[in-house]
Amino acid sequence: MNSNAIGALFDWDGVIIDSHDQHEESWSKLAEEENKKLPENFFKMTFGMRNENIIPNFFSTWIDVTNHREITRLANRKEEIYREIIISDGIEPLPGVRDLVESLKTEKIACSIASSTPIANIKAVMSIIELSDYFDAITAAEDVSNGKPSPEVFLKAAEKIKVDPKNCVVFEDAHVGIEAGLAANMHVIAVATTHPIESLGNAHTVRENLIGIDAEKIKMLLS
């Protein structure tokens, strides 16, 4: 591990892309396929949760929530529908993302995705937005046992790119992600994609978006 190296760790949905609408649509289509109704306020209550936690907690009227095979079936089918929607409709990176990762690559700052998103979803979107060449690693749902606010995903991402955690900057949009980055002893930059900017004050740096952030600014934040 190079003690002087700098790393940039990116949450996925809400930072690189915003596919909140596509996730809502995929849950709705799953409900249609199963001939069921989603619980009231479902999207608000489950925002940021993993499918494996959503289904047992909110679908007790759908299935026997002790049936792990059925939970896995529904979780996998929901993500299949999500990928079908993304591939059919397309998606774009959020403002400032492309310029930022290009700047980081030019300055040889290692980058990793650090997300609880399934790897198949990340790869499906990467094939559309064409940013794969800018990331040295992907740390996804399959790589971790504990979701955020556990720092596991960020610590594992730092390990993959061989950068000391204290020399990493984290880009996050969610409260649990901010907590995870802080717990990993990393500098956290929060972007107000999915939450009001005034609610993100626990982060070291808060931004409306990633426009105007580049490698030099990140070096200054970590100096």
C-alpha atoms as a PDB file:
ATOM      1  CA  MET A   1       0.000   0.000   0.000  1.00  0.00           C
ATOM      2  CA  ASN A   2       1.347   3.411  -1.015  1.00  0.00           C
ATOM      3  CA  SER A   3       0.957   5.633   2.060  1.00  0.00           C
ATOM      4  CA  ASN A   4       1.103   8.779  -0.098  1.00  0.00           C
ATOM      5  CA  ALA A   5      -1.466   7.677  -2.688  1.00  0.00           C
ATOM      6  CA  ILE A   6      -4.922   9.269  -2.866  1.00  0.00           C
ATOM      7  CA  GLY A   7      -8.130   7.396  -3.588  1.00  0.00           C
ATOM      8  CA  ALA A   8     -11.628   8.448  -4.648  1.00  0.00           C
ATOM      9  CA  LEU A   9     -14.525   6.183  -3.664  1.00  0.00           C
ATOM     10  CA  PHE A  10     -17.918   6.703  -5.259  1.00  0.00           C
ATOM     11  CA  ASP A  11     -21.300   5.538  -4.120  1.00  0.00           C
ATOM     12  CA  TRP A  12     -23.286   4.557  -7.192  1.00  0.00           C
ATOM     13  CA  ASP A  13     -26.945   5.514  -7.340  1.00  0.00           C
ATOM     14  CA  GLY A  14     -27.383   9.164  -6.406  1.00  0.00           C
ATOM     15  CA  VAL A  15     -23.729   9.977  -7.131  1.00  0.00           C
ATOM     16  CA  ILE A  16     -22.743   8.546 -10.531  1.00  0.00           C
ATOM     17  CA  ILE A  17     -26.318   8.144 -11.773  1.00  0.00           C
ATOM     18  CA  ASP A  18     -29.803   8.769 -10.423  1.00  0.00           C
ATOM     19  CA  SER A  19     -32.070   5.815 -11.190  1.00  0.00           C
ATOM     20  CA  HIS A  20     -34.576   6.331  -8.386  1.00  0.00           C
ATOM     21  CA  ASP A  21     -37.442   6.467 -10.899  1.00  0.00           C
ATOM     22  CA  GLN A  22     -36.305   3.244 -12.566  1.00  0.00           C
ATOM     23  CA  HIS A  23     -36.173   1.473  -9.204  1.00  0.00           C
ATOM     24  CA  GLU A  24     -39.698   2.637  -8.400  1.00  0.00           C
ATOM     25  CA  GLU A  25     -40.887   1.409 -11.790  1.00  0.00           C
ATOM     26  CA  SER A  26     -39.210  -1.973 -11.318  1.00  0.00           C
ATOM     27  CA  TRP A  27     -40.879  -2.515  -7.926  1.00  0.00           C
ATOM     28  CA  SER A  28     -44.239  -1.528  -9.423  1.00  0.00           C
ATOM     29  CA  LYS A  29     -43.783  -3.957 -12.323  1.00  0.00           C
ATOM     30  CA  LEU A  30     -42.787  -6.717  -9.911  1.00  0.00           C
ATOM     31  CA  ALA A  31     -45.995  -6.108  -7.957  1.00  0.00           C
ATOM     32  CA  GLU A  32     -47.982  -6.351 -11.203  1.00  0.00           C
ATOM     33  CA  GLU A  33     -46.282  -9.638 -12.110  1.00  0.00           C
ATOM     34  CA  GLU A  34     -47.051 -11.058  -8.676  1.00  0.00           C
ATOM     35  CA  ASN A  35     -50.610  -9.671  -8.755  1.00  0.00           C
ATOM     36  CA  LYS A  36     -49.966  -7.876  -5.468  1.00  0.00           C
ATOM     37  CA  LYS A  37     -50.087  -4.312  -4.146  1.00  0.00           C
ATOM     38  CA  LEU A  38     -47.118  -2.432  -2.739  1.00  0.00           C
ATOM     39  CA  PRO A  39     -47.497  -1.186   0.853  1.00  0.00           C
ATOM     40  CA  GLU A  40     -48.495   2.445   1.346  1.00  0.00           C
ATOM     41  CA  ASN A  41     -45.502   4.837   1.299  1.00  0.00           C
ATOM     42  CA  PHE A  42     -43.363   1.902   0.156  1.00  0.00           C
ATOM     43  CA  PHE A  43     -40.806   3.917  -1.824  1.00  0.00           C
ATOM     44  CA  LYS A  44     -40.260   6.476   0.909  1.00  0.00           C
ATOM     45  CA  MET A  45     -39.891   3.853   3.632  1.00  0.00           C
ATOM     46  CA  THR A  46     -37.503   1.603   1.712  1.00  0.00           C
ATOM     47  CA  PHE A  47     -35.201   4.197   0.137  1.00  0.00           C
ATOM     48  CA  GLY A  48     -31.596   3.010   0.348  1.00  0.00           C
ATOM     49  CA  MET A  49     -32.445  -0.417   1.792  1.00  0.00           C
ATOM     50  CA  ARG A  50     -31.240  -3.698   0.316  1.00  0.00           C
ATOM     51  CA  ASN A  51     -33.809  -6.009  -1.268  1.00  0.00           C
ATOM     52  CA  GLU A  52     -32.952  -8.735   1.246  1.00  0.00           C
ATOM     53  CA  ASN A  53     -34.140  -6.390   4.005  1.00  0.00           C
ATOM     54  CA  ILE A  54     -37.047  -4.827   2.123  1.00  0.00           C
ATOM     55  CA  ILE A  55     -38.831  -8.048   1.185  1.00  0.00           C
ATOM     56  CA  PRO A  56     -39.050  -9.704   4.646  1.00  0.00           C
ATOM     57  CA  ASN A  57     -40.022  -6.422   6.305  1.00  0.00           C
ATOM     58  CA  PHE A  58     -42.619  -5.141   3.845  1.00  0.00           C
ATOM     59  CA  PHE A  59     -43.950  -8.138   1.882  1.00  0.00           C
ATOM     60  CA  SER A  60     -45.387 -10.287   4.672  1.00  0.00           C
ATOM     61  CA  THR A  61     -48.747 -10.245   2.859  1.00  0.00           C
ATOM     62  CA  TRP A  62     -47.063 -11.507  -0.318  1.00  0.00           C
ATOM     63  CA  ILE A  63     -44.994 -14.433   0.901  1.00  0.00           C
ATOM     64  CA  ASP A  64     -43.886 -16.461   3.891  1.00  0.00           C
ATOM     65  CA  VAL A  65     -41.049 -14.171   4.975  1.00  0.00           C
ATOM     66  CA  THR A  66     -39.142 -17.135   6.448  1.00  0.00           C
ATOM     67  CA  ASN A  67     -38.878 -18.651   2.958  1.00  0.00           C
ATOM     68  CA  HIS A  68     -35.402 -17.514   1.922  1.00  0.00           C
ATOM     69  CA  ARG A  69     -35.688 -19.044  -1.543  1.00  0.00           C
ATOM     70  CA  GLU A  70     -38.774 -16.947  -2.253  1.00  0.00           C
ATOM     71  CA  ILE A  71     -37.085 -13.799  -0.909  1.00  0.00           C
ATOM     72  CA  THR A  72     -34.142 -14.429  -3.243  1.00  0.00           C
ATOM     73  CA  ARG A  73     -36.451 -15.072  -6.192  1.00  0.00           C
ATOM     74  CA  LEU A  74     -38.275 -11.769  -5.729  1.00  0.00           C
ATOM     75  CA  ALA A  75     -35.059  -9.841  -5.089  1.00  0.00           C
ATOM     76  CA  ASN A  76     -33.427 -11.216  -8.238  1.00  0.00           C
ATOM     77  CA  ARG A  77     -36.503 -10.659 -10.383  1.00  0.00           C
ATOM     78  CA  LYS A  78     -36.806  -7.046  -9.240  1.00  0.00           C
ATOM     79  CA  GLU A  79     -33.214  -6.388 -10.350  1.00  0.00           C
ATOM     80  CA  GLU A  80     -33.794  -8.151 -13.680  1.00  0.00           C
ATOM     81  CA  ILE A  81     -36.723  -5.812 -14.329  1.00  0.00           C
ATOM     82  CA  TYR A  82     -34.570  -2.819 -13.332  1.00  0.00           C
ATOM     83  CA  ARG A  83     -31.868  -3.794 -15.845  1.00  0.00           C
ATOM     84  CA  GLU A  84     -34.458  -4.310 -18.564  1.00  0.00           C
ATOM     85  CA  ILE A  85     -35.760  -0.774 -17.973  1.00  0.00           C
ATOM     86  CA  ILE A  86     -32.261   0.747 -17.971  1.00  0.00           C
ATOM     87  CA  ILE A  87     -31.250  -1.041 -21.174  1.00  0.00           C
ATOM     88  CA  SER A  88     -34.522  -0.094 -22.869  1.00  0.00           C
ATOM     89  CA  ASP A  89     -34.695   3.558 -21.810  1.00  0.00           C
ATOM     90  CA  GLY A  90     -31.010   4.443 -21.339  1.00  0.00           C
ATOM     91  CA  ILE A  91     -29.490   6.640 -18.625  1.00  0.00           C
ATOM     92  CA  GLU A  92     -26.910   9.417 -18.291  1.00  0.00           C
ATOM     93  CA  PRO A  93     -24.302  10.159 -15.611  1.00  0.00           C
ATOM     94  CA  LEU A  94     -25.157  12.987 -13.236  1.00  0.00           C
ATOM     95  CA  PRO A  95     -23.814  16.519 -13.858  1.00  0.00           C
ATOM     96  CA  GLY A  96     -20.084  16.873 -13.273  1.00  0.00           C
ATOM     97  CA  VAL A  97     -19.356  13.153 -13.055  1.00  0.00           C
ATOM     98  CA  ARG A  98     -17.610  12.696 -16.396  1.00  0.00           C
ATOM     99  CA  ASP A  99     -15.383  15.759 -15.977  1.00  0.00           C
ATOM    100  CA  LEU A 100     -14.454  14.681 -12.444  1.00  0.00           C
ATOM    101  CA  VAL A 101     -13.428  11.123 -13.297  1.00  0.00           C
ATOM    102  CA  GLU A 102     -11.502  12.352 -16.341  1.00  0.00           C
ATOM    103  CA  SER A 103      -9.594  14.755 -14.072  1.00  0.00           C
ATOM    104  CA  LEU A 104      -8.874  11.995 -11.560  1.00  0.00           C
ATOM    105  CA  LYS A 105      -7.576   9.676 -14.267  1.00  0.00           C
ATOM    106  CA  THR A 106      -5.323  12.412 -15.667  1.00  0.00           C
ATOM    107  CA  GLU A 107      -3.827  12.948 -12.201  1.00  0.00           C
ATOM    108  CA  LYS A 108      -3.537   9.181 -11.633  1.00  0.00           C
ATOM    109  CA  ILE A 109      -5.834   9.195  -8.600  1.00  0.00           C
ATOM    110  CA  ALA A 110      -7.231   5.694  -8.123  1.00  0.00           C
ATOM    111  CA  CYS A 111     -11.022   5.375  -8.228  1.00  0.00           C
ATOM    112  CA  SER A 112     -13.452   2.713  -7.093  1.00  0.00           C
ATOM    113  CA  ILE A 113     -17.193   2.303  -6.995  1.00  0.00           C
ATOM    114  CA  ALA A 114     -18.226   1.489  -3.401  1.00  0.00           C
ATOM    115  CA  SER A 115     -21.881   0.529  -3.345  1.00  0.00           C
ATOM    116  CA  SER A 116     -24.403  -1.991  -2.063  1.00  0.00           C
ATOM    117  CA  THR A 117     -25.784  -2.152  -5.618  1.00  0.00           C
ATOM    118  CA  PRO A 118     -25.593  -5.610  -7.269  1.00  0.00           C
ATOM    119  CA  ILE A 119     -22.597  -5.902  -9.601  1.00  0.00           C
ATOM    120  CA  ALA A 120     -24.840  -6.868 -12.548  1.00  0.00           C
ATOM    121  CA  ASN A 121     -26.693  -3.542 -12.254  1.00  0.00           C
ATOM    122  CA  ILE A 122     -23.470  -1.544 -12.141  1.00  0.00           C
ATOM    123  CA  LYS A 123     -22.072  -3.335 -15.187  1.00  0.00           C
ATOM    124  CA  ALA A 124     -25.323  -2.886 -17.117  1.00  0.00           C
ATOM    125  CA  VAL A 125     -25.276   0.868 -16.522  1.00  0.00           C
ATOM    126  CA  MET A 126     -21.517   1.155 -17.123  1.00  0.00           C
ATOM    127  CA  SER A 127     -22.006  -0.344 -20.574  1.00  0.00           C
ATOM    128  CA  ILE A 128     -24.398   2.518 -21.357  1.00  0.00           C
ATOM    129  CA  ILE A 129     -22.628   5.497 -19.760  1.00  0.00           C
ATOM    130  CA  GLU A 130     -19.163   4.279 -20.857  1.00  0.00           C
ATOM    131  CA  LEU A 131     -17.201   5.172 -17.721  1.00  0.00           C
ATOM    132  CA  SER A 132     -15.621   1.771 -17.001  1.00  0.00           C
ATOM    133  CA  ASP A 133     -12.147   2.889 -18.073  1.00  0.00           C
ATOM    134  CA  TYR A 134     -12.089   5.538 -15.340  1.00  0.00           C
ATOM    135  CA  PHE A 135     -12.497   3.110 -12.441  1.00  0.00           C
ATOM    136  CA  ASP A 136      -9.731   0.892 -11.121  1.00  0.00           C
ATOM    137  CA  ALA A 137     -12.111  -1.289  -9.114  1.00  0.00           C
ATOM    138  CA  ILE A 138     -15.750  -1.953  -8.334  1.00  0.00           C
ATOM    139  CA  THR A 139     -16.846  -2.914  -4.837  1.00  0.00           C
ATOM    140  CA  ALA A 140     -20.478  -4.030  -4.948  1.00  0.00           C
ATOM    141  CA  ALA A 141     -23.145  -5.847  -2.934  1.00  0.00           C
ATOM    142  CA  GLU A 142     -21.535  -9.224  -3.500  1.00  0.00           C
ATOM    143  CA  ASP A 143     -18.262  -8.051  -1.916  1.00  0.00           C
ATOM    144  CA  VAL A 144     -19.613  -7.165   1.528  1.00  0.00           C
ATOM    145  CA  SER A 145     -21.503  -8.814   4.360  1.00  0.00           C
ATOM    146  CA  ASN A 146     -22.718  -5.622   6.021  1.00  0.00           C
ATOM    147  CA  GLY A 147     -24.530  -2.766   4.325  1.00  0.00           C
ATOM    148  CA  LYS A 148     -24.049   0.898   5.131  1.00  0.00           C
ATOM    149  CA  PRO A 149     -23.790   2.506   7.698  1.00  0.00           C
ATOM    150  CA  SER A 150     -21.158  -0.174   8.259  1.00  0.00           C
ATOM    151  CA  PRO A 151     -17.872   1.140   6.787  1.00  0.00           C
ATOM    152  CA  GLU A 152     -17.109  -2.271   5.262  1.00  0.00           C
ATOM    153  CA  VAL A 153     -17.775  -1.323   1.638  1.00  0.00           C
ATOM    154  CA  PHE A 154     -15.495   1.723   1.797  1.00  0.00           C
ATOM    155  CA  LEU A 155     -12.710  -0.094   3.624  1.00  0.00           C
ATOM    156  CA  LYS A 156     -12.854  -2.924   1.097  1.00  0.00           C
ATOM    157  CA  ALA A 157     -12.812  -0.455  -1.804  1.00  0.00           C
ATOM    158  CA  ALA A 158      -9.745   1.279  -0.343  1.00  0.00           C
ATOM    159  CA  GLU A 159      -8.074  -2.099   0.010  1.00  0.00           C
ATOM    160  CA  LYS A 160      -8.807  -2.938  -3.633  1.00  0.00           C
ATOM    161  CA  ILE A 161      -7.128   0.230  -4.892  1.00  0.00           C
ATOM    162  CA  LYS A 162      -4.318  -0.107  -2.309  1.00  0.00           C
ATOM    163  CA  VAL A 163      -4.863   3.302  -0.691  1.00  0.00           C
ATOM    164  CA  ASP A 164      -4.786   4.068   3.037  1.00  0.00           C
ATOM    165  CA  PRO A 165      -8.373   4.854   4.184  1.00  0.00           C
ATOM    166  CA  LYS A 166      -7.303   8.195   5.665  1.00  0.00           C
ATOM    167  CA  ASN A 167      -6.161   9.240   2.173  1.00  0.00           C
ATOM    168  CA  CYS A 168      -9.516   8.462   0.573  1.00  0.00           C
ATOM    169  CA  VAL A 169     -12.352  10.803  -0.263  1.00  0.00           C
ATOM    170  CA  VAL A 170     -15.888   9.412  -0.353  1.00  0.00           C
ATOM    171  CA  PHE A 171     -18.674  10.744  -2.581  1.00  0.00           C
ATOM    172  CA  GLU A 172     -22.107  10.018  -1.097  1.00  0.00           C
ATOM    173  CA  ASP A 173     -25.710  11.176  -1.298  1.00  0.00           C
ATOM    174  CA  ALA A 174     -27.338   9.155   1.498  1.00  0.00           C
ATOM    175  CA  HIS A 175     -27.258   9.615   5.256  1.00  0.00           C
ATOM    176  CA  VAL A 176     -26.237   6.002   5.898  1.00  0.00           C
ATOM    177  CA  GLY A 177     -23.453   6.374   3.329  1.00  0.00           C
ATOM    178  CA  ILE A 178     -22.164   9.519   5.006  1.00  0.00           C
ATOM    179  CA  GLU A 179     -22.118   7.643   8.327  1.00  0.00           C
ATOM    180  CA  ALA A 180     -20.225   4.780   6.688  1.00  0.00           C
ATOM    181  CA  GLY A 181     -17.619   7.099   5.192  1.00  0.00           C
ATOM    182  CA  LEU A 182     -17.070   8.849   8.507  1.00  0.00           C
ATOM    183  CA  ALA A 183     -16.779   5.501  10.288  1.00  0.00           C
ATOM    184  CA  ALA A 184     -14.101   4.518   7.755  1.00  0.00           C
ATOM    185  CA  ASN A 185     -12.117   7.640   8.746  1.00  0.00           C
ATOM    186  CA  MET A 186     -12.421   9.124   5.259  1.00  0.00           C
ATOM    187  CA  HIS A 187     -13.172  12.647   3.999  1.00  0.00           C
ATOM    188  CA  VAL A 188     -16.835  12.623   2.965  1.00  0.00           C
ATOM    189  CA  ILE A 189     -18.241  14.813   0.188  1.00  0.00           C
ATOM    190  CA  ALA A 190     -22.048  14.738   0.164  1.00  0.00           C
ATOM    191  CA  VAL A 191     -24.059  15.653  -2.918  1.00  0.00           C
ATOM    192  CA  ALA A 192     -27.681  16.773  -2.622  1.00  0.00           C
ATOM    193  CA  THR A 193     -29.125  14.447  -5.253  1.00  0.00           C
ATOM    194  CA  THR A 194     -31.655  12.624  -3.105  1.00  0.00           C
ATOM    195  CA  HIS A 195     -31.758  14.605   0.159  1.00  0.00           C
ATOM    196  CA  PRO A 196     -32.032  18.325   0.980  1.00  0.00           C
ATOM    197  CA  ILE A 197     -28.614  19.937   1.193  1.00  0.00           C
ATOM    198  CA  GLU A 198     -29.309  21.220   4.721  1.00  0.00           C
ATOM    199  CA  SER A 199     -29.768  17.626   5.947  1.00  0.00           C
ATOM    200  CA  LEU A 200     -26.271  16.541   4.885  1.00  0.00           C
ATOM    201  CA  GLY A 201     -24.317  18.566   7.426  1.00  0.00           C
ATOM    202  CA  ASN A 202     -22.533  15.569   8.949  1.00  0.00           C
ATOM    203  CA  ALA A 203     -20.332  15.347   5.858  1.00  0.00           C
ATOM    204  CA  HIS A 204     -17.043  17.242   5.706  1.00  0.00           C
ATOM    205  CA  THR A 205     -18.040  18.901   2.426  1.00  0.00           C
ATOM    206  CA  VAL A 206     -21.552  19.398   1.016  1.00  0.00           C
ATOM    207  CA  ARG A 207     -22.341  20.187  -2.625  1.00  0.00           C
ATOM    208  CA  GLU A 208     -25.410  20.599  -4.799  1.00  0.00           C
ATOM    209  CA  ASN A 209     -23.677  18.433  -7.423  1.00  0.00           C
ATOM    210  CA  LEU A 210     -20.223  17.432  -8.661  1.00  0.00           C
ATOM    211  CA  ILE A 211     -19.795  20.280 -11.134  1.00  0.00           C
ATOM    212  CA  GLY A 212     -16.523  22.087 -10.515  1.00  0.00           C
ATOM    213  CA  ILE A 213     -14.866  19.404  -8.397  1.00  0.00           C
ATOM    214  CA  ASP A 214     -11.591  18.119  -9.833  1.00  0.00           C
ATOM    215  CA  ALA A 215      -8.422  16.319  -8.806  1.00  0.00           C
ATOM    216  CA  GLU A 216      -6.735  19.483  -7.545  1.00  0.00           C
ATOM    217  CA  LYS A 217      -9.632  20.303  -5.208  1.00  0.00           C
ATOM    218  CA  ILE A 218      -9.553  16.777  -3.826  1.00  0.00           C
ATOM    219  CA  LYS A 219      -5.821  17.020  -3.173  1.00  0.00           C
ATOM    220  CA  MET A 220      -6.440  20.258  -1.271  1.00  0.00           C
ATOM    221  CA  LEU A 221      -9.181  18.658   0.839  1.00  0.00           C
ATOM    222  CA  LEU A 222      -6.845  15.846   1.856  1.00  0.00           C
ATOM    223  CA  SER A 223      -3.751  17.986   2.429  1.00  0.00           C
END
